[in-house]
Amino acid sequence: MNREQMSKIAHTHHPIKSPLDDGSVSRLLAHALPRGDERVLDLGCGGGEWLLRALTTHPHLRAEGVDISESDLAEARQKAVRLGIDDRLALHCRKAEEFSSPHRFDLVLCIGSTHALGGLLPTLEAARDHLAPGGRVLIGDGFWERDPSPEAVEVLGDFADLATTVDRITAAGWTPVQGHVSTRQELDDYEWANWGTLASWALDHPTHPDGPEVLAWATTRRAEWLRTYRDTWGFATLLLRPTPS
């Protein structure tokens, strides 16, 4: 079973593919969409959960999502049809860095997908190119709460601590407007939901040819989380506006 299929199973009970609970998502969207009639772009939208939530709570909103996963986008389209919001949602199957639009956007999202654009700062520069005047960016990325082990860096990537991350963002010409640092509960719920759902799937499908592989991956993931980076990794979601020059 490929990683994309396992990801779909893992996020069955946690469709937001980042360590944020429903309340945090709602609050962030409320701050990011004060008018309710914005045009929104999600770079690396996956199954479109952020866009679907924004569209269902803001009936005058229009949104576009970009992702390379055809199956994720197909799932997002199906959900949008069921919710009756498909006429306000456009989805594009392409690399985020290759996306262009005749429109500019009031809000650009990239939550947990900065790797697709080469990291946090390159993602912010890509987002800037899509912003309308007065537009803002909602971005989510990891950081180290304390010095990581070499193994943690190998597993997750070369992040900075939160203070350094914010300093880099401001130096790149952005002003934080609002933010949320994921709680320990959100982090644990996200990780445990993922490996727990995979393990449950494998145990519920004992004759499936991919069952042993999925169970082994879930077990490995749990061990990595508990041993390697549970106490060192954090996740911050920041609402930013360009700093006036």
C-alpha atoms as a PDB file:
ATOM      1  CA  MET A   1       0.000   0.000   0.000  1.00  0.00           C
ATOM      2  CA  ASN A   2       1.427   3.389  -0.933  1.00  0.00           C
ATOM      3  CA  ARG A   3       1.864   6.290   1.490  1.00  0.00           C
ATOM      4  CA  GLU A   4      -1.065   8.252   0.032  1.00  0.00           C
ATOM      5  CA  GLN A   5      -3.487   5.379   0.646  1.00  0.00           C
ATOM      6  CA  MET A   6      -2.204   4.957   4.201  1.00  0.00           C
ATOM      7  CA  SER A   7      -2.606   8.693   4.782  1.00  0.00           C
ATOM      8  CA  LYS A   8      -6.242   8.515   3.702  1.00  0.00           C
ATOM      9  CA  ILE A   9      -6.904   5.708   6.184  1.00  0.00           C
ATOM     10  CA  ALA A  10      -4.978   7.459   8.952  1.00  0.00           C
ATOM     11  CA  HIS A  11      -6.968  10.684   8.624  1.00  0.00           C
ATOM     12  CA  THR A  12     -10.389   9.052   8.580  1.00  0.00           C
ATOM     13  CA  HIS A  13     -11.149  10.441  12.044  1.00  0.00           C
ATOM     14  CA  HIS A  14      -8.871  13.495  11.812  1.00  0.00           C
ATOM     15  CA  PRO A  15      -9.443  15.023   8.353  1.00  0.00           C
ATOM     16  CA  ILE A  16      -7.468  18.193   9.128  1.00  0.00           C
ATOM     17  CA  LYS A  17      -3.993  16.903   8.355  1.00  0.00           C
ATOM     18  CA  SER A  18      -2.366  19.008  11.058  1.00  0.00           C
ATOM     19  CA  PRO A  19      -2.470  18.983  14.878  1.00  0.00           C
ATOM     20  CA  LEU A  20      -5.448  21.331  15.250  1.00  0.00           C
ATOM     21  CA  ASP A  21      -8.817  20.524  16.770  1.00  0.00           C
ATOM     22  CA  ASP A  22     -12.154  21.784  15.442  1.00  0.00           C
ATOM     23  CA  GLY A  23     -12.255  24.741  17.803  1.00  0.00           C
ATOM     24  CA  SER A  24      -8.809  25.941  16.750  1.00  0.00           C
ATOM     25  CA  VAL A  25      -9.683  25.617  13.065  1.00  0.00           C
ATOM     26  CA  SER A  26     -12.891  27.609  13.559  1.00  0.00           C
ATOM     27  CA  ARG A  27     -11.141  30.377  15.482  1.00  0.00           C
ATOM     28  CA  LEU A  28      -8.352  30.698  12.939  1.00  0.00           C
ATOM     29  CA  LEU A  29     -10.800  30.887  10.046  1.00  0.00           C
ATOM     30  CA  ALA A  30     -12.910  33.458  11.894  1.00  0.00           C
ATOM     31  CA  HIS A  31      -9.863  35.718  12.300  1.00  0.00           C
ATOM     32  CA  ALA A  32      -8.691  35.101   8.737  1.00  0.00           C
ATOM     33  CA  LEU A  33     -12.068  35.795   7.097  1.00  0.00           C
ATOM     34  CA  PRO A  34     -13.500  38.867   8.805  1.00  0.00           C
ATOM     35  CA  ARG A  35     -15.726  39.959   5.884  1.00  0.00           C
ATOM     36  CA  GLY A  36     -17.031  36.569   4.805  1.00  0.00           C
ATOM     37  CA  ASP A  37     -16.912  37.305   1.068  1.00  0.00           C
ATOM     38  CA  GLU A  38     -13.183  36.773   0.517  1.00  0.00           C
ATOM     39  CA  ARG A  39     -11.527  34.881  -2.311  1.00  0.00           C
ATOM     40  CA  VAL A  40      -9.375  32.112  -0.787  1.00  0.00           C
ATOM     41  CA  LEU A  41      -6.540  29.965  -2.143  1.00  0.00           C
ATOM     42  CA  ASP A  42      -5.136  26.838  -0.470  1.00  0.00           C
ATOM     43  CA  LEU A  43      -1.699  25.732  -1.702  1.00  0.00           C
ATOM     44  CA  GLY A  44      -1.386  22.015  -0.974  1.00  0.00           C
ATOM     45  CA  CYS A  45      -5.052  21.646  -0.072  1.00  0.00           C
ATOM     46  CA  GLY A  46      -5.168  17.832   0.086  1.00  0.00           C
ATOM     47  CA  GLY A  47      -8.788  16.828   0.591  1.00  0.00           C
ATOM     48  CA  GLY A  48      -9.810  20.470   0.890  1.00  0.00           C
ATOM     49  CA  GLU A  49     -10.994  20.403   4.506  1.00  0.00           C
ATOM     50  CA  TRP A  50      -9.984  23.996   5.249  1.00  0.00           C
ATOM     51  CA  LEU A  51     -11.758  25.231   2.127  1.00  0.00           C
ATOM     52  CA  LEU A  52     -14.854  23.126   2.725  1.00  0.00           C
ATOM     53  CA  ARG A  53     -15.182  24.477   6.256  1.00  0.00           C
ATOM     54  CA  ALA A  54     -14.673  28.043   5.110  1.00  0.00           C
ATOM     55  CA  LEU A  55     -17.238  27.700   2.323  1.00  0.00           C
ATOM     56  CA  THR A  56     -19.903  26.097   4.493  1.00  0.00           C
ATOM     57  CA  THR A  57     -19.667  28.831   7.135  1.00  0.00           C
ATOM     58  CA  HIS A  58     -19.330  31.754   4.697  1.00  0.00           C
ATOM     59  CA  PRO A  59     -21.967  31.572   1.948  1.00  0.00           C
ATOM     60  CA  HIS A  60     -20.454  34.464  -0.050  1.00  0.00           C
ATOM     61  CA  LEU A  61     -16.920  33.048  -0.076  1.00  0.00           C
ATOM     62  CA  ARG A  62     -15.200  31.721  -3.195  1.00  0.00           C
ATOM     63  CA  ALA A  63     -12.257  29.335  -2.976  1.00  0.00           C
ATOM     64  CA  GLU A  64      -9.621  27.518  -4.996  1.00  0.00           C
ATOM     65  CA  GLY A  65      -7.382  24.632  -4.001  1.00  0.00           C
ATOM     66  CA  VAL A  66      -4.184  23.272  -5.509  1.00  0.00           C
ATOM     67  CA  ASP A  67      -2.733  19.808  -4.925  1.00  0.00           C
ATOM     68  CA  ILE A  68      -0.928  17.062  -6.828  1.00  0.00           C
ATOM     69  CA  SER A  69      -3.148  14.260  -5.495  1.00  0.00           C
ATOM     70  CA  GLU A  70      -5.940  13.494  -7.962  1.00  0.00           C
ATOM     71  CA  SER A  71      -7.661  11.221  -5.460  1.00  0.00           C
ATOM     72  CA  ASP A  72      -7.645  13.877  -2.718  1.00  0.00           C
ATOM     73  CA  LEU A  73      -9.082  16.448  -5.097  1.00  0.00           C
ATOM     74  CA  ALA A  74     -11.741  14.002  -6.294  1.00  0.00           C
ATOM     75  CA  GLU A  75     -12.730  13.422  -2.678  1.00  0.00           C
ATOM     76  CA  ALA A  76     -12.914  17.187  -2.099  1.00  0.00           C
ATOM     77  CA  ARG A  77     -15.147  17.613  -5.156  1.00  0.00           C
ATOM     78  CA  GLN A  78     -17.492  14.880  -3.963  1.00  0.00           C
ATOM     79  CA  LYS A  79     -17.778  16.443  -0.515  1.00  0.00           C
ATOM     80  CA  ALA A  80     -18.395  19.875  -2.030  1.00  0.00           C
ATOM     81  CA  VAL A  81     -21.237  18.472  -4.142  1.00  0.00           C
ATOM     82  CA  ARG A  82     -22.820  16.815  -1.108  1.00  0.00           C
ATOM     83  CA  LEU A  83     -22.551  20.082   0.830  1.00  0.00           C
ATOM     84  CA  GLY A  84     -23.986  22.109  -2.040  1.00  0.00           C
ATOM     85  CA  ILE A  85     -20.961  24.402  -2.312  1.00  0.00           C
ATOM     86  CA  ASP A  86     -19.283  23.025  -5.439  1.00  0.00           C
ATOM     87  CA  ASP A  87     -20.284  26.066  -7.504  1.00  0.00           C
ATOM     88  CA  ARG A  88     -17.981  28.208  -5.337  1.00  0.00           C
ATOM     89  CA  LEU A  89     -14.988  25.845  -5.305  1.00  0.00           C
ATOM     90  CA  ALA A  90     -12.370  25.392  -8.032  1.00  0.00           C
ATOM     91  CA  LEU A  91      -9.733  22.671  -7.675  1.00  0.00           C
ATOM     92  CA  HIS A  92      -6.516  22.344  -9.654  1.00  0.00           C
ATOM     93  CA  CYS A  93      -4.358  19.233  -9.941  1.00  0.00           C
ATOM     94  CA  ARG A  94      -0.846  20.592 -10.311  1.00  0.00           C
ATOM     95  CA  LYS A  95       2.233  21.470  -8.343  1.00  0.00           C
ATOM     96  CA  ALA A  96       1.727  24.464  -6.088  1.00  0.00           C
ATOM     97  CA  GLU A  97       4.721  26.308  -7.532  1.00  0.00           C
ATOM     98  CA  GLU A  98       3.267  25.934 -11.047  1.00  0.00           C
ATOM     99  CA  PHE A  99      -0.147  27.374 -10.195  1.00  0.00           C
ATOM    100  CA  SER A 100      -1.151  30.730 -11.646  1.00  0.00           C
ATOM    101  CA  SER A 101      -4.467  32.529 -11.653  1.00  0.00           C
ATOM    102  CA  PRO A 102      -5.957  35.648 -13.224  1.00  0.00           C
ATOM    103  CA  HIS A 103      -7.360  36.409  -9.764  1.00  0.00           C
ATOM    104  CA  ARG A 104      -5.614  37.633  -6.668  1.00  0.00           C
ATOM    105  CA  PHE A 105      -6.689  36.252  -3.311  1.00  0.00           C
ATOM    106  CA  ASP A 106      -7.676  37.853  -0.019  1.00  0.00           C
ATOM    107  CA  LEU A 107      -6.388  34.850   1.909  1.00  0.00           C
ATOM    108  CA  VAL A 108      -3.767  32.270   0.970  1.00  0.00           C
ATOM    109  CA  LEU A 109      -3.593  29.107   3.076  1.00  0.00           C
ATOM    110  CA  CYS A 110      -0.781  26.614   3.463  1.00  0.00           C
ATOM    111  CA  ILE A 111      -1.194  24.482   6.582  1.00  0.00           C
ATOM    112  CA  GLY A 112       1.271  21.647   7.036  1.00  0.00           C
ATOM    113  CA  SER A 113       2.262  21.664   3.357  1.00  0.00           C
ATOM    114  CA  THR A 114       5.204  24.073   3.227  1.00  0.00           C
ATOM    115  CA  HIS A 115       7.483  21.192   2.175  1.00  0.00           C
ATOM    116  CA  ALA A 116       5.717  21.248  -1.212  1.00  0.00           C
ATOM    117  CA  LEU A 117       7.149  24.700  -1.887  1.00  0.00           C
ATOM    118  CA  GLY A 118      10.597  24.209  -0.388  1.00  0.00           C
ATOM    119  CA  GLY A 119       9.970  25.279   3.196  1.00  0.00           C
ATOM    120  CA  LEU A 120       8.416  28.070   5.225  1.00  0.00           C
ATOM    121  CA  LEU A 121      10.027  31.165   3.696  1.00  0.00           C
ATOM    122  CA  PRO A 122       9.763  30.017   0.046  1.00  0.00           C
ATOM    123  CA  THR A 123       6.095  29.237   0.719  1.00  0.00           C
ATOM    124  CA  LEU A 124       5.518  32.748   2.028  1.00  0.00           C
ATOM    125  CA  GLU A 125       7.153  34.242  -1.066  1.00  0.00           C
ATOM    126  CA  ALA A 126       4.964  32.070  -3.312  1.00  0.00           C
ATOM    127  CA  ALA A 127       1.886  33.131  -1.340  1.00  0.00           C
ATOM    128  CA  ARG A 128       2.829  36.801  -1.667  1.00  0.00           C
ATOM    129  CA  ASP A 129       2.589  36.510  -5.458  1.00  0.00           C
ATOM    130  CA  HIS A 130      -1.057  35.458  -5.141  1.00  0.00           C
ATOM    131  CA  LEU A 131      -2.205  38.098  -2.641  1.00  0.00           C
ATOM    132  CA  ALA A 132      -4.637  40.876  -3.432  1.00  0.00           C
ATOM    133  CA  PRO A 133      -3.985  44.286  -1.852  1.00  0.00           C
ATOM    134  CA  GLY A 134      -4.719  43.968   1.850  1.00  0.00           C
ATOM    135  CA  GLY A 135      -4.544  40.174   1.623  1.00  0.00           C
ATOM    136  CA  ARG A 136      -3.212  37.883   4.315  1.00  0.00           C
ATOM    137  CA  VAL A 137      -1.620  34.450   4.662  1.00  0.00           C
ATOM    138  CA  LEU A 138      -2.555  31.666   7.076  1.00  0.00           C
ATOM    139  CA  ILE A 139       0.397  29.306   7.362  1.00  0.00           C
ATOM    140  CA  GLY A 140       1.087  26.329   9.604  1.00  0.00           C
ATOM    141  CA  ASP A 141       4.450  24.695  10.178  1.00  0.00           C
ATOM    142  CA  GLY A 142       6.464  22.816  12.752  1.00  0.00           C
ATOM    143  CA  PHE A 143       9.080  24.109  15.160  1.00  0.00           C
ATOM    144  CA  TRP A 144      11.348  22.664  17.847  1.00  0.00           C
ATOM    145  CA  GLU A 145      10.268  23.273  21.432  1.00  0.00           C
ATOM    146  CA  ARG A 146      13.692  22.133  22.623  1.00  0.00           C
ATOM    147  CA  ASP A 147      16.866  20.867  20.990  1.00  0.00           C
ATOM    148  CA  PRO A 148      15.985  17.840  18.848  1.00  0.00           C
ATOM    149  CA  SER A 149      17.953  14.662  18.491  1.00  0.00           C
ATOM    150  CA  PRO A 150      19.601  13.952  15.107  1.00  0.00           C
ATOM    151  CA  GLU A 151      16.996  11.216  14.642  1.00  0.00           C
ATOM    152  CA  ALA A 152      14.154  13.702  15.140  1.00  0.00           C
ATOM    153  CA  VAL A 153      15.652  16.046  12.562  1.00  0.00           C
ATOM    154  CA  GLU A 154      15.972  13.134  10.143  1.00  0.00           C
ATOM    155  CA  VAL A 155      12.335  12.112  10.668  1.00  0.00           C
ATOM    156  CA  LEU A 156      10.680  15.541  10.555  1.00  0.00           C
ATOM    157  CA  GLY A 157      13.076  18.015   9.013  1.00  0.00           C
ATOM    158  CA  ASP A 158      15.332  20.874   9.995  1.00  0.00           C
ATOM    159  CA  PHE A 159      13.042  23.301  11.849  1.00  0.00           C
ATOM    160  CA  ALA A 160      14.011  26.195  14.120  1.00  0.00           C
ATOM    161  CA  ASP A 161      12.611  27.086  17.524  1.00  0.00           C
ATOM    162  CA  LEU A 162       9.468  29.241  17.611  1.00  0.00           C
ATOM    163  CA  ALA A 163      11.186  32.533  18.437  1.00  0.00           C
ATOM    164  CA  THR A 164      13.687  32.082  15.609  1.00  0.00           C
ATOM    165  CA  THR A 165      10.888  31.079  13.248  1.00  0.00           C
ATOM    166  CA  VAL A 166       8.936  34.265  14.018  1.00  0.00           C
ATOM    167  CA  ASP A 167      12.103  36.356  13.671  1.00  0.00           C
ATOM    168  CA  ARG A 168      12.732  34.871  10.227  1.00  0.00           C
ATOM    169  CA  ILE A 169       9.161  35.553   9.178  1.00  0.00           C
ATOM    170  CA  THR A 170       9.282  39.182  10.272  1.00  0.00           C
ATOM    171  CA  ALA A 171      12.691  39.674   8.645  1.00  0.00           C
ATOM    172  CA  ALA A 172      11.179  38.392   5.395  1.00  0.00           C
ATOM    173  CA  GLY A 173       8.616  41.193   5.437  1.00  0.00           C
ATOM    174  CA  TRP A 174       5.622  39.778   7.300  1.00  0.00           C
ATOM    175  CA  THR A 175       3.731  40.953  10.369  1.00  0.00           C
ATOM    176  CA  PRO A 176       1.948  38.396  12.579  1.00  0.00           C
ATOM    177  CA  VAL A 177      -1.721  39.265  13.105  1.00  0.00           C
ATOM    178  CA  GLN A 178      -2.951  36.207  14.980  1.00  0.00           C
ATOM    179  CA  GLY A 179      -1.583  32.808  15.882  1.00  0.00           C
ATOM    180  CA  HIS A 180      -2.143  29.480  17.540  1.00  0.00           C
ATOM    181  CA  VAL A 181       0.419  27.084  18.987  1.00  0.00           C
ATOM    182  CA  SER A 182      -0.996  23.578  19.044  1.00  0.00           C
ATOM    183  CA  THR A 183      -1.569  22.247  22.531  1.00  0.00           C
ATOM    184  CA  ARG A 184      -0.080  19.027  23.807  1.00  0.00           C
ATOM    185  CA  GLN A 185      -3.569  17.523  23.548  1.00  0.00           C
ATOM    186  CA  GLU A 186      -3.875  18.544  19.902  1.00  0.00           C
ATOM    187  CA  LEU A 187      -0.442  17.121  19.111  1.00  0.00           C
ATOM    188  CA  ASP A 188      -1.139  13.820  20.845  1.00  0.00           C
ATOM    189  CA  ASP A 189      -4.654  13.508  19.424  1.00  0.00           C
ATOM    190  CA  TYR A 190      -3.310  14.062  15.915  1.00  0.00           C
ATOM    191  CA  GLU A 191      -0.519  11.501  16.163  1.00  0.00           C
ATOM    192  CA  TRP A 192      -2.493   8.926  18.106  1.00  0.00           C
ATOM    193  CA  ALA A 193      -5.489   9.240  15.797  1.00  0.00           C
ATOM    194  CA  ASN A 194      -3.245   8.584  12.809  1.00  0.00           C
ATOM    195  CA  TRP A 195      -1.390   5.509  13.986  1.00  0.00           C
ATOM    196  CA  GLY A 196      -4.374   4.245  15.984  1.00  0.00           C
ATOM    197  CA  THR A 197      -6.678   4.408  12.959  1.00  0.00           C
ATOM    198  CA  LEU A 198      -4.115   2.589  10.831  1.00  0.00           C
ATOM    199  CA  ALA A 199      -3.603  -0.097  13.443  1.00  0.00           C
ATOM    200  CA  SER A 200      -7.371  -0.549  13.816  1.00  0.00           C
ATOM    201  CA  TRP A 201      -7.765  -0.829  10.057  1.00  0.00           C
ATOM    202  CA  ALA A 202      -5.057  -3.491   9.863  1.00  0.00           C
ATOM    203  CA  LEU A 203      -6.604  -5.488  12.715  1.00  0.00           C
ATOM    204  CA  ASP A 204     -10.058  -5.186  11.139  1.00  0.00           C
ATOM    205  CA  HIS A 205      -8.721  -6.515   7.811  1.00  0.00           C
ATOM    206  CA  PRO A 206      -6.656  -9.546   8.868  1.00  0.00           C
ATOM    207  CA  THR A 207      -6.779 -11.143   5.410  1.00  0.00           C
ATOM    208  CA  HIS A 208      -5.913  -7.989   3.471  1.00  0.00           C
ATOM    209  CA  PRO A 209      -2.533  -8.416   1.746  1.00  0.00           C
ATOM    210  CA  ASP A 210      -1.399  -4.981   2.957  1.00  0.00           C
ATOM    211  CA  GLY A 211      -2.508  -5.538   6.546  1.00  0.00           C
ATOM    212  CA  PRO A 212       0.905  -6.568   7.969  1.00  0.00           C
ATOM    213  CA  GLU A 213       2.653  -3.647   6.232  1.00  0.00           C
ATOM    214  CA  VAL A 214       0.112  -1.120   7.507  1.00  0.00           C
ATOM    215  CA  LEU A 215       0.274  -2.482  11.061  1.00  0.00           C
ATOM    216  CA  ALA A 216       4.074  -2.433  11.027  1.00  0.00           C
ATOM    217  CA  TRP A 217       4.102   1.173   9.761  1.00  0.00           C
ATOM    218  CA  ALA A 218       1.598   2.268  12.421  1.00  0.00           C
ATOM    219  CA  THR A 219       3.615   0.597  15.159  1.00  0.00           C
ATOM    220  CA  THR A 220       6.833   2.195  13.902  1.00  0.00           C
ATOM    221  CA  ARG A 221       5.170   5.602  13.701  1.00  0.00           C
ATOM    222  CA  ARG A 222       3.920   5.318  17.284  1.00  0.00           C
ATOM    223  CA  ALA A 223       7.363   4.333  18.528  1.00  0.00           C
ATOM    224  CA  GLU A 224       8.999   7.231  16.654  1.00  0.00           C
ATOM    225  CA  TRP A 225       6.524   9.699  18.138  1.00  0.00           C
ATOM    226  CA  LEU A 226       6.971   8.516  21.701  1.00  0.00           C
ATOM    227  CA  ARG A 227      10.732   8.003  21.530  1.00  0.00           C
ATOM    228  CA  THR A 228      11.997  10.574  19.081  1.00  0.00           C
ATOM    229  CA  TYR A 229      10.049  13.801  18.921  1.00  0.00           C
ATOM    230  CA  ARG A 230       6.927  13.901  21.100  1.00  0.00           C
ATOM    231  CA  ASP A 231       8.592  16.177  23.649  1.00  0.00           C
ATOM    232  CA  THR A 232      10.555  18.307  21.185  1.00  0.00           C
ATOM    233  CA  TRP A 233       8.258  19.094  18.232  1.00  0.00           C
ATOM    234  CA  GLY A 234       5.542  21.736  18.139  1.00  0.00           C
ATOM    235  CA  PHE A 235       3.241  23.223  15.517  1.00  0.00           C
ATOM    236  CA  ALA A 236       2.293  26.863  15.021  1.00  0.00           C
ATOM    237  CA  THR A 237      -0.359  28.342  12.743  1.00  0.00           C
ATOM    238  CA  LEU A 238       0.100  32.051  12.032  1.00  0.00           C
ATOM    239  CA  LEU A 239      -2.047  34.644  10.311  1.00  0.00           C
ATOM    240  CA  LEU A 240       0.281  37.129   8.596  1.00  0.00           C
ATOM    241  CA  ARG A 241       0.014  40.287   6.551  1.00  0.00           C
ATOM    242  CA  PRO A 242       2.764  41.811   4.422  1.00  0.00           C
ATOM    243  CA  THR A 243       4.668  44.483   6.326  1.00  0.00           C
ATOM    244  CA  PRO A 244       4.257  47.857   4.607  1.00  0.00           C
ATOM    245  CA  SER A 245       7.491  48.908   2.943  1.00  0.00           C
END
